[in-house]
């Protein structure tokens, strides 16, 4: 019997403090390409949502144009955690309050997918909504309360 392989999908959302072309977001917009390149070169990276611009800033998962979304897939929770909280990304993450409004409720969700599957923005938004309503579990979880990879 062949066992199934799983990867970790993640979505994070944010409501920008201003439109993307506002001067207050110049540093954020300038950080996108280097951070995305670093992600793609990181151990355990599998896939990320992007459009012709090379990032997902202009992909709409919400009607609000200041709500932006990021969806990625990783080989493991550890690989995503290392990328998120170590190195260059940690510095950019530390500036989140400069560029984003504080959201009521979760702004990130994690879930296991079959290796090779590509999550959609709609699926990711549904995972965040589920996390907000039901808390962490198999369907959607967080770094603070992870759910184990399926057997």
Protein backbone atom coordinates (compact mmCIF):
# COMPACT_ATOMS: atom_id res chain seq x y z
CA UNK A 1 0.00 0.00 0.00
CA UNK A 2 1.33 3.44 -0.94
CA UNK A 3 1.11 6.10 1.73
CA UNK A 4 -0.10 9.58 0.87
CA UNK A 5 2.28 12.50 1.16
CA UNK A 6 1.15 15.81 2.62
CA UNK A 7 2.34 19.38 2.39
CA UNK A 8 1.42 22.37 4.51
CA UNK A 9 -0.70 25.15 2.99
CA UNK A 10 -0.85 28.58 4.56
CA UNK A 11 -2.78 31.75 3.96
CA UNK A 12 -2.20 35.11 5.54
CA UNK A 13 -4.27 38.19 4.93
CA UNK A 14 -3.94 41.82 5.83
CA UNK A 15 -5.71 45.11 5.33
CA UNK A 16 -3.23 47.72 4.20
CA UNK A 17 -3.30 51.10 5.95
CA UNK A 18 -3.45 52.78 2.53
CA UNK A 19 -3.76 51.92 -1.18
CA UNK A 20 -0.76 49.98 -2.55
CA UNK A 21 0.53 52.99 -4.47
CA UNK A 22 0.54 55.24 -1.37
CA UNK A 23 4.00 56.61 -0.40
CA UNK A 24 3.58 55.14 3.10
CA UNK A 25 3.81 51.65 1.58
CA UNK A 26 6.97 52.16 -0.50
CA UNK A 27 9.11 50.10 1.92
CA UNK A 28 6.53 47.30 2.02
CA UNK A 29 6.23 47.14 -1.77
CA UNK A 30 10.04 47.23 -2.10
CA UNK A 31 10.36 44.27 0.27
CA UNK A 32 8.00 42.00 -1.69
CA UNK A 33 10.36 40.81 -4.42
CA UNK A 34 13.34 40.11 -2.12
CA UNK A 35 11.16 38.29 0.43
CA UNK A 36 9.40 36.26 -2.27
CA UNK A 37 12.73 35.32 -3.84
CA UNK A 38 14.03 34.28 -0.44
CA UNK A 39 10.91 32.16 0.14
CA UNK A 40 11.34 30.39 -3.18
CA UNK A 41 14.98 29.61 -2.32
CA UNK A 42 14.19 28.42 1.21
CA UNK A 43 14.43 24.76 2.19
CA UNK A 44 11.01 23.15 2.11
CA UNK A 45 9.34 25.75 -0.14
CA UNK A 46 6.92 24.23 -2.68
CA UNK A 47 4.67 26.90 -4.24
CA UNK A 48 3.28 30.41 -3.81
CA UNK A 49 0.38 32.36 -5.25
CA UNK A 50 1.48 35.06 -7.69
CA UNK A 51 0.31 36.96 -10.72
CA UNK A 52 2.17 38.63 -13.61
CA UNK A 53 3.73 41.09 -11.12
CA UNK A 54 5.51 38.20 -9.40
CA UNK A 55 3.56 38.56 -6.17
CA UNK A 56 -0.04 38.31 -4.96
CA UNK A 57 -0.66 41.91 -3.88
CA UNK A 58 -3.10 42.54 -6.74
CA UNK A 59 -4.97 39.23 -6.44
CA UNK A 60 -8.38 39.89 -4.87
CA UNK A 61 -9.79 37.41 -2.37
CA UNK A 62 -12.01 40.13 -0.86
CA UNK A 63 -14.06 43.00 -2.32
CA UNK A 64 -11.93 45.48 -0.36
CA UNK A 65 -8.93 46.45 -2.55
CA UNK A 66 -6.81 47.12 0.55
CA UNK A 67 -7.23 43.50 1.74
CA UNK A 68 -4.30 41.51 0.41
CA UNK A 69 -3.65 37.80 0.53
CA UNK A 70 -0.64 35.50 0.47
CA UNK A 71 -0.94 31.74 -0.07
CA UNK A 72 2.02 29.36 0.01
CA UNK A 73 2.74 25.64 0.26
CA UNK A 74 5.63 24.11 2.22
CA UNK A 75 6.97 20.61 2.78
CA UNK A 76 6.57 20.93 6.55
CA UNK A 77 5.49 23.14 9.41
CA UNK A 78 9.13 23.47 10.45
CA UNK A 79 10.19 24.76 7.01
CA UNK A 80 7.49 27.43 7.05
CA UNK A 81 8.24 28.36 10.66
CA UNK A 82 11.95 28.75 9.90
CA UNK A 83 11.25 31.00 6.90
CA UNK A 84 8.64 33.06 8.78
CA UNK A 85 10.51 33.69 12.00
CA UNK A 86 14.19 33.57 11.04
CA UNK A 87 16.23 35.85 8.82
CA UNK A 88 15.01 38.62 6.52
CA UNK A 89 11.31 37.77 6.73
CA UNK A 90 11.34 38.21 10.51
CA UNK A 91 12.46 41.82 10.04
CA UNK A 92 9.71 42.53 7.52
CA UNK A 93 7.16 40.79 9.74
CA UNK A 94 8.26 43.02 12.61
CA UNK A 95 7.16 46.06 10.60
CA UNK A 96 3.64 44.71 10.00
CA UNK A 97 2.00 47.37 12.20
CA UNK A 98 3.48 50.13 10.00
CA UNK A 99 1.66 48.85 6.92
CA UNK A 100 -1.39 46.90 8.11
CA UNK A 101 -4.43 47.55 10.23
CA UNK A 102 -5.03 45.24 13.18
CA UNK A 103 -7.72 42.74 12.20
CA UNK A 104 -10.39 41.40 14.50
CA UNK A 105 -9.80 37.66 14.33
CA UNK A 106 -7.20 35.44 12.72
CA UNK A 107 -5.10 36.72 9.83
CA UNK A 108 -3.42 33.40 9.12
CA UNK A 109 -4.44 29.76 8.82
CA UNK A 110 -2.50 26.56 8.18
CA UNK A 111 -3.81 23.22 6.90
CA UNK A 112 -2.49 19.99 5.41
CA UNK A 113 -3.03 19.23 1.72
CA UNK A 114 -2.11 16.33 -0.51
CA UNK A 115 1.37 16.81 -1.96
CA UNK A 116 0.99 18.31 -5.42
CA UNK A 117 -2.32 20.04 -4.65
CA UNK A 118 -2.57 23.80 -5.12
CA UNK A 119 -4.82 25.66 -2.69
CA UNK A 120 -7.09 28.45 -3.92
CA UNK A 121 -7.60 31.84 -2.32
CA UNK A 122 -11.24 30.90 -1.72
CA UNK A 123 -10.17 27.77 0.13
CA UNK A 124 -7.74 29.79 2.21
CA UNK A 125 -10.32 32.44 3.12
CA UNK A 126 -12.70 29.64 4.14
CA UNK A 127 -9.97 28.19 6.39
CA UNK A 128 -9.48 31.56 8.11
CA UNK A 129 -13.24 31.88 8.57
CA UNK A 130 -13.39 28.35 9.99
CA UNK A 131 -10.52 29.11 12.36
CA UNK A 132 -12.31 32.26 13.55
CA UNK A 133 -15.56 30.35 14.21
CA UNK A 134 -14.24 27.07 15.59
CA UNK A 135 -10.67 27.60 16.75
CA UNK A 136 -7.67 25.47 15.78
CA UNK A 137 -8.18 21.86 14.69
CA UNK A 138 -7.60 19.54 11.78
CA UNK A 139 -9.37 21.83 9.29
CA UNK A 140 -7.38 24.98 10.14
CA UNK A 141 -4.72 25.70 12.72
CA UNK A 142 -1.93 28.09 13.71
CA UNK A 143 1.75 27.97 14.62
CA UNK A 144 0.77 28.39 18.27
CA UNK A 145 -1.67 25.47 18.08
CA UNK A 146 -0.51 23.20 15.23
CA UNK A 147 -2.28 20.07 14.13
CA UNK A 148 -0.16 17.03 13.23
CA UNK A 149 0.46 15.96 9.66
CA UNK A 150 -2.10 13.27 8.69
CA UNK A 151 -0.82 9.71 9.02
